[in-house]
C-alpha atoms as a PDB file:
ATOM      1  CA  MET A   1     268.079-107.801 122.858  1.00  0.00           C
ATOM      2  CA  ARG A   2     266.395-104.388 122.892  1.00  0.00           C
ATOM      3  CA  HIS A   3     268.237-103.372 119.731  1.00  0.00           C
ATOM      4  CA  ARG A   4     267.075-106.524 117.940  1.00  0.00           C
ATOM      5  CA  VAL A   5     263.460-105.960 119.015  1.00  0.00           C
ATOM      6  CA  SER A   6     263.614-102.298 117.929  1.00  0.00           C
ATOM      7  CA  ALA A   7     265.029-103.254 114.529  1.00  0.00           C
ATOM      8  CA  TRP A   8     262.352-105.924 114.100  1.00  0.00           C
ATOM      9  CA  TRP A   9     259.563-103.436 114.782  1.00  0.00           C
ATOM     10  CA  LEU A  10     261.138-100.774 112.569  1.00  0.00           C
ATOM     11  CA  ALA A  11     261.152-103.262 109.674  1.00  0.00           C
ATOM     12  CA  GLY A  12     257.548-104.223 110.401  1.00  0.00           C
ATOM     13  CA  ALA A  13     256.460-100.583 110.498  1.00  0.00           C
ATOM     14  CA  LEU A  14     258.171 -99.930 107.143  1.00  0.00           C
ATOM     15  CA  VAL A  15     256.451-102.916 105.497  1.00  0.00           C
ATOM     16  CA  SER A  16     253.119-101.821 106.960  1.00  0.00           C
ATOM     17  CA  ALA A  17     253.549 -98.267 105.679  1.00  0.00           C
ATOM     18  CA  LEU A  18     254.388 -99.475 102.186  1.00  0.00           C
ATOM     19  CA  LEU A  19     251.407-101.803 102.036  1.00  0.00           C
ATOM     20  CA  LEU A  20     248.944 -99.299 103.459  1.00  0.00           C
ATOM     21  CA  HIS A  21     250.089 -96.483 101.156  1.00  0.00           C
ATOM     22  CA  PRO A  22     247.720 -96.068  98.187  1.00  0.00           C
ATOM     23  CA  SER A  23     248.863 -96.682  94.642  1.00  0.00           C
ATOM     24  CA  VAL A  24     250.221 -93.534  92.968  1.00  0.00           C
ATOM     25  CA  GLY A  25     250.218 -94.847  89.409  1.00  0.00           C
ATOM     26  CA  GLU A  26     247.816 -92.962  87.151  1.00  0.00           C
ATOM     27  CA  ALA A  27     245.635 -94.903  84.713  1.00  0.00           C
ATOM     28  CA  LYS A  28     246.240 -92.383  81.931  1.00  0.00           C
ATOM     29  CA  GLU A  29     249.886 -93.485  81.783  1.00  0.00           C
ATOM     30  CA  THR A  30     248.867 -96.942  80.533  1.00  0.00           C
ATOM     31  CA  GLY A  31     247.778 -95.436  77.213  1.00  0.00           C
ATOM     32  CA  VAL A  32     244.497 -97.368  77.242  1.00  0.00           C
ATOM     33  CA  HIS A  33     242.006 -95.991  74.727  1.00  0.00           C
ATOM     34  CA  SER A  34     238.717 -97.059  73.176  1.00  0.00           C
ATOM     35  CA  PRO A  35     238.823 -98.268  69.513  1.00  0.00           C
ATOM     36  CA  ASN A  36     238.001 -94.775  68.196  1.00  0.00           C
ATOM     37  CA  GLY A  37     240.834 -93.219  70.158  1.00  0.00           C
ATOM     38  CA  LYS A  38     238.782 -91.777  73.030  1.00  0.00           C
ATOM     39  CA  ARG A  39     240.401 -92.034  76.441  1.00  0.00           C
ATOM     40  CA  ILE A  40     238.673 -94.478  78.791  1.00  0.00           C
ATOM     41  CA  TYR A  41     240.071 -92.971  82.014  1.00  0.00           C
ATOM     42  CA  ALA A  42     240.201 -89.403  83.232  1.00  0.00           C
ATOM     43  CA  SER A  43     243.596 -87.774  83.678  1.00  0.00           C
ATOM     44  CA  ASP A  44     243.450 -88.072  87.479  1.00  0.00           C
ATOM     45  CA  ASP A  45     242.238 -91.722  87.701  1.00  0.00           C
ATOM     46  CA  ARG A  46     244.432 -94.089  89.728  1.00  0.00           C
ATOM     47  CA  PHE A  47     245.020 -97.795  89.238  1.00  0.00           C
ATOM     48  CA  GLY A  48     243.504 -98.543  92.654  1.00  0.00           C
ATOM     49  CA  GLU A  49     240.244 -96.944  91.544  1.00  0.00           C
ATOM     50  CA  VAL A  50     239.876 -98.781  88.231  1.00  0.00           C
ATOM     51  CA  LEU A  51     240.511-102.278  89.619  1.00  0.00           C
ATOM     52  CA  ASP A  52     237.578-104.535  90.411  1.00  0.00           C
ATOM     53  CA  GLN A  53     237.728-103.945  94.165  1.00  0.00           C
ATOM     54  CA  ASN A  54     235.488-106.928  94.956  1.00  0.00           C
ATOM     55  CA  ARG A  55     238.151-109.305  93.626  1.00  0.00           C
ATOM     56  CA  ARG A  56     240.648-108.445  96.336  1.00  0.00           C
ATOM     57  CA  ARG A  57     241.445-111.507  98.438  1.00  0.00           C
ATOM     58  CA  TRP A  58     244.162-110.441 100.890  1.00  0.00           C
ATOM     59  CA  VAL A  59     244.230-107.960 103.740  1.00  0.00           C
ATOM     60  CA  ILE A  60     246.944-106.583 106.003  1.00  0.00           C
ATOM     61  CA  GLU A  61     246.107-105.220 109.450  1.00  0.00           C
ATOM     62  CA  ALA A  62     247.909-102.934 111.878  1.00  0.00           C
ATOM     63  CA  VAL A  63     246.822-103.834 115.417  1.00  0.00           C
ATOM     64  CA  VAL A  64     246.852-101.812 118.652  1.00  0.00           C
ATOM     65  CA  GLY A  65     245.329-102.435 122.068  1.00  0.00           C
ATOM     66  CA  HIS A  66     245.285-105.479 124.319  1.00  0.00           C
ATOM     67  CA  GLY A  67     244.497-108.371 122.023  1.00  0.00           C
ATOM     68  CA  PRO A  68     245.805-111.693 120.727  1.00  0.00           C
ATOM     69  CA  GLU A  69     248.578-109.891 118.811  1.00  0.00           C
ATOM     70  CA  GLY A  70     249.704-108.082 121.973  1.00  0.00           C
ATOM     71  CA  ASN A  71     249.834-104.307 122.288  1.00  0.00           C
ATOM     72  CA  LEU A  72     251.257-103.716 118.804  1.00  0.00           C
ATOM     73  CA  GLY A  73     251.020-106.144 115.928  1.00  0.00           C
ATOM     74  CA  LEU A  74     250.636-106.939 112.251  1.00  0.00           C
ATOM     75  CA  SER A  75     248.505-109.637 110.670  1.00  0.00           C
ATOM     76  CA  LEU A  76     247.941-110.939 107.165  1.00  0.00           C
ATOM     77  CA  GLY A  77     244.544-112.297 106.179  1.00  0.00           C
ATOM     78  CA  ARG A  78     242.984-114.314 103.364  1.00  0.00           C
ATOM     79  CA  LEU A  79     239.417-113.232 102.572  1.00  0.00           C
ATOM     80  CA  ASN A  80     236.339-115.294 101.648  1.00  0.00           C
ATOM     81  CA  VAL A  81     237.977-118.690 102.090  1.00  0.00           C
ATOM     82  CA  GLY A  82     235.520-121.256 100.736  1.00  0.00           C
ATOM     83  CA  VAL A  83     232.466-119.341 101.988  1.00  0.00           C
ATOM     84  CA  ARG A  84     231.909-115.618 101.626  1.00  0.00           C
ATOM     85  CA  GLY A  85     232.611-113.972 104.980  1.00  0.00           C
ATOM     86  CA  ILE A  86     235.139-116.553 106.225  1.00  0.00           C
ATOM     87  CA  GLU A  87     238.561-114.976 106.780  1.00  0.00           C
ATOM     88  CA  LEU A  88     241.835-116.587 107.915  1.00  0.00           C
ATOM     89  CA  TYR A  89     244.577-114.584 109.672  1.00  0.00           C
ATOM     90  CA  ALA A  90     248.176-115.112 110.775  1.00  0.00           C
ATOM     91  CA  GLY A  91     249.801-112.444 112.922  1.00  0.00           C
ATOM     92  CA  VAL A  92     252.820-111.420 114.968  1.00  0.00           C
ATOM     93  CA  GLY A  93     252.954-108.872 117.733  1.00  0.00           C
ATOM     94  CA  TYR A  94     254.650-107.479 120.787  1.00  0.00           C
ATOM     95  CA  ALA A  95     253.364-107.046 124.336  1.00  0.00           C
ATOM     96  CA  PHE A  96     254.969-104.551 126.673  1.00  0.00           C
ATOM     97  CA  THR A  97     255.363-107.159 129.458  1.00  0.00           C
ATOM     98  CA  PRO A  98     257.586-107.937 127.364  1.00  0.00           C
ATOM     99  CA  ALA A  99     256.523-110.881 125.193  1.00  0.00           C
ATOM    100  CA  ARG A 100     256.282-111.907 121.575  1.00  0.00           C
ATOM    101  CA  HIS A 101     252.921-113.088 120.240  1.00  0.00           C
ATOM    102  CA  PHE A 102     252.291-115.425 117.309  1.00  0.00           C
ATOM    103  CA  THR A 103     248.661-115.923 116.311  1.00  0.00           C
ATOM    104  CA  GLY A 104     246.380-117.776 113.952  1.00  0.00           C
ATOM    105  CA  SER A 105     242.639-117.178 113.770  1.00  0.00           C
ATOM    106  CA  VAL A 106     239.464-117.632 111.779  1.00  0.00           C
ATOM    107  CA  ARG A 107     236.934-114.823 111.531  1.00  0.00           C
ATOM    108  CA  TYR A 108     233.405-114.720 110.176  1.00  0.00           C
ATOM    109  CA  LEU A 109     232.260-111.310 108.975  1.00  0.00           C
ATOM    110  CA  PHE A 110     228.494-110.908 108.728  1.00  0.00           C
ATOM    111  CA  ASN A 111     226.747-108.508 106.359  1.00  0.00           C
ATOM    112  CA  ILE A 112     223.257-107.904 107.755  1.00  0.00           C
ATOM    113  CA  TYR A 113     221.552-105.154 105.743  1.00  0.00           C
ATOM    114  CA  GLY A 114     224.853-103.302 105.578  1.00  0.00           C
ATOM    115  CA  PHE A 115     225.802-103.904 109.226  1.00  0.00           C
ATOM    116  CA  ARG A 116     229.136-105.725 109.639  1.00  0.00           C
ATOM    117  CA  PRO A 117     229.575-107.517 112.981  1.00  0.00           C
ATOM    118  CA  TYR A 118     232.019-110.425 113.249  1.00  0.00           C
ATOM    119  CA  LEU A 119     232.957-113.399 115.427  1.00  0.00           C
ATOM    120  CA  ALA A 120     236.474-114.824 115.702  1.00  0.00           C
ATOM    121  CA  ALA A 121     238.329-117.670 117.376  1.00  0.00           C
ATOM    122  CA  GLY A 122     242.045-118.397 117.364  1.00  0.00           C
ATOM    123  CA  TYR A 123     245.276-119.714 118.832  1.00  0.00           C
ATOM    124  CA  LEU A 124     248.069-117.709 120.484  1.00  0.00           C
ATOM    125  CA  LEU A 125     251.641-118.724 121.254  1.00  0.00           C
ATOM    126  CA  ARG A 126     252.995-116.274 123.818  1.00  0.00           C
ATOM    127  CA  ASP A 127     256.773-116.083 124.272  1.00  0.00           C
ATOM    128  CA  ASN A 128     257.953-114.224 127.382  1.00  0.00           C
ATOM    129  CA  TYR A 129     261.552-114.221 126.164  1.00  0.00           C
ATOM    130  CA  VAL A 130     262.992-112.578 129.276  1.00  0.00           C
ATOM    131  CA  LEU A 131     261.808-115.385 131.564  1.00  0.00           C
ATOM    132  CA  GLU A 132     261.942-118.017 128.774  1.00  0.00           C
ATOM    133  CA  LEU A 133     258.299-118.777 129.568  1.00  0.00           C
ATOM    134  CA  PHE A 134     255.963-119.988 126.829  1.00  0.00           C
ATOM    135  CA  SER A 135     252.195-120.387 126.923  1.00  0.00           C
ATOM    136  CA  HIS A 136     249.609-121.900 124.591  1.00  0.00           C
ATOM    137  CA  ASN A 137     246.305-120.013 124.509  1.00  0.00           C
ATOM    138  CA  VAL A 138     242.934-119.989 122.803  1.00  0.00           C
ATOM    139  CA  THR A 139     241.092-116.750 122.080  1.00  0.00           C
ATOM    140  CA  GLY A 140     237.551-115.678 121.290  1.00  0.00           C
ATOM    141  CA  GLU A 141     236.395-112.286 120.040  1.00  0.00           C
ATOM    142  CA  ALA A 142     233.343-110.382 118.851  1.00  0.00           C
ATOM    143  CA  GLY A 143     233.355-106.977 117.202  1.00  0.00           C
ATOM    144  CA  TYR A 144     232.370-104.687 114.382  1.00  0.00           C
ATOM    145  CA  SER A 145     234.010-103.583 111.132  1.00  0.00           C
ATOM    146  CA  TRP A 146     233.484-100.075 109.698  1.00  0.00           C
ATOM    147  CA  ARG A 147     234.169 -99.419 106.029  1.00  0.00           C
ATOM    148  CA  ILE A 148     236.216 -96.225 105.793  1.00  0.00           C
ATOM    149  CA  HIS A 149     236.828 -96.683 102.071  1.00  0.00           C
ATOM    150  CA  HIS A 150     236.221 -99.620  99.750  1.00  0.00           C
ATOM    151  CA  THR A 151     239.590-101.143 100.640  1.00  0.00           C
ATOM    152  CA  TYR A 152     240.144 -99.587 104.092  1.00  0.00           C
ATOM    153  CA  HIS A 153     238.426-100.777 107.264  1.00  0.00           C
ATOM    154  CA  LEU A 154     238.545-100.045 110.999  1.00  0.00           C
ATOM    155  CA  THR A 155     237.681-102.960 113.265  1.00  0.00           C
ATOM    156  CA  ALA A 156     237.009-102.897 117.009  1.00  0.00           C
ATOM    157  CA  GLY A 157     236.757-106.100 119.025  1.00  0.00           C
ATOM    158  CA  VAL A 158     236.424-107.372 122.578  1.00  0.00           C
ATOM    159  CA  GLY A 159     236.981-110.891 123.801  1.00  0.00           C
ATOM    160  CA  ALA A 160     238.854-113.204 126.135  1.00  0.00           C
ATOM    161  CA  ARG A 161     242.011-115.310 126.218  1.00  0.00           C
ATOM    162  CA  TYR A 162     242.363-118.636 128.033  1.00  0.00           C
ATOM    163  CA  ILE A 163     245.734-120.201 128.921  1.00  0.00           C
ATOM    164  CA  LEU A 164     245.829-123.880 127.981  1.00  0.00           C
ATOM    165  CA  SER A 165     249.324-124.598 129.272  1.00  0.00           C
ATOM    166  CA  THR A 166     252.616-122.946 130.232  1.00  0.00           C
ATOM    167  CA  HIS A 167     256.167-124.210 129.762  1.00  0.00           C
ATOM    168  CA  LEU A 168     259.557-123.066 131.073  1.00  0.00           C
ATOM    169  CA  ASP A 169     262.647-123.401 128.924  1.00  0.00           C
ATOM    170  CA  ALA A 170     265.522-125.305 130.524  1.00  0.00           C
ATOM    171  CA  GLU A 171     267.596-122.099 130.502  1.00  0.00           C
ATOM    172  CA  SER A 172     264.924-119.951 132.139  1.00  0.00           C
ATOM    173  CA  PRO A 173     266.103-117.830 135.084  1.00  0.00           C
ATOM    174  CA  LEU A 174     263.132-119.292 136.982  1.00  0.00           C
ATOM    175  CA  THR A 175     264.808-122.717 136.960  1.00  0.00           C
ATOM    176  CA  THR A 176     267.951-121.667 138.840  1.00  0.00           C
ATOM    177  CA  ALA A 177     268.854-123.081 142.244  1.00  0.00           C
ATOM    178  CA  GLU A 178     267.735-119.865 143.959  1.00  0.00           C
ATOM    179  CA  ILE A 179     264.106-120.480 142.951  1.00  0.00           C
ATOM    180  CA  ASP A 180     262.036-122.925 144.997  1.00  0.00           C
ATOM    181  CA  PRO A 181     260.462-125.254 142.379  1.00  0.00           C
ATOM    182  CA  ASP A 182     257.489-126.107 144.606  1.00  0.00           C
ATOM    183  CA  LEU A 183     256.739-122.428 145.195  1.00  0.00           C
ATOM    184  CA  LEU A 184     257.087-121.758 141.465  1.00  0.00           C
ATOM    185  CA  ALA A 185     254.654-124.567 140.676  1.00  0.00           C
ATOM    186  CA  ASP A 186     252.165-123.188 143.218  1.00  0.00           C
ATOM    187  CA  GLN A 187     252.424-119.681 141.752  1.00  0.00           C
ATOM    188  CA  THR A 188     251.958-121.031 138.230  1.00  0.00           C
ATOM    189  CA  ARG A 189     248.842-122.972 139.221  1.00  0.00           C
ATOM    190  CA  ALA A 190     247.474-119.865 140.970  1.00  0.00           C
ATOM    191  CA  LEU A 191     247.561-117.812 137.763  1.00  0.00           C
ATOM    192  CA  ASP A 192     244.133-116.827 136.479  1.00  0.00           C
ATOM    193  CA  PRO A 193     243.924-118.502 133.046  1.00  0.00           C
ATOM    194  CA  TRP A 194     241.362-115.956 131.801  1.00  0.00           C
ATOM    195  CA  SER A 195     242.117-112.428 130.627  1.00  0.00           C
ATOM    196  CA  LEU A 196     239.928-109.881 128.850  1.00  0.00           C
ATOM    197  CA  GLN A 197     240.907-108.322 125.538  1.00  0.00           C
ATOM    198  CA  ALA A 198     240.079-105.142 123.617  1.00  0.00           C
ATOM    199  CA  VAL A 199     241.667-104.288 120.293  1.00  0.00           C
ATOM    200  CA  LEU A 200     241.539-101.919 117.305  1.00  0.00           C
ATOM    201  CA  ARG A 201     242.629-103.001 113.832  1.00  0.00           C
ATOM    202  CA  PHE A 202     243.175-100.809 110.778  1.00  0.00           C
ATOM    203  CA  SER A 203     243.250-102.832 107.568  1.00  0.00           C
ATOM    204  CA  ARG A 204     243.674-102.536 103.827  1.00  0.00           C
ATOM    205  CA  ALA A 205     242.592-105.144 101.278  1.00  0.00           C
ATOM    206  CA  PHE A 206     244.747-105.783  98.213  1.00  0.00           C
END
């Protein structure tokens, strides 16, 4: 199991590195010239710099902290869905408990005289695969997004997670004859459904 999890995260890290790496193609190699033969781009211009950056509609995020995606995660977002500022995200992550996290969320990014706070709400499916314990959760978050470069952003958020329900798989080690089902039910009901969250996200639009 550990080898499969390690391989999964190695593949995710490789994909993230490839997507976050800037384009190395130089615009001069396209051979684009004005009608009189004058070069439009300088010799050191890159494709990423000559694109209309405001037309980018997708974003990938690397996530660390204690958030909906777990302690380490990746998410893919669609920007300006219907209304400018509305963003939709789907993510996967890993918590050190251990557990797998699968998330979906909607985020609204404000732009108030250049200030960029945001509000977000979402759903989390948490899979504690060791105990075969699943939980359905809702999340809420508020934070701020800093523009490092036109296509690179750092986002910090705080929020809370609420457990809607928990379910044990039939093959869970908690369902064996050695476990008192009444005691297990009491312990499950005694769980605090609320937990606080704090997370950092580094993203690139493309």
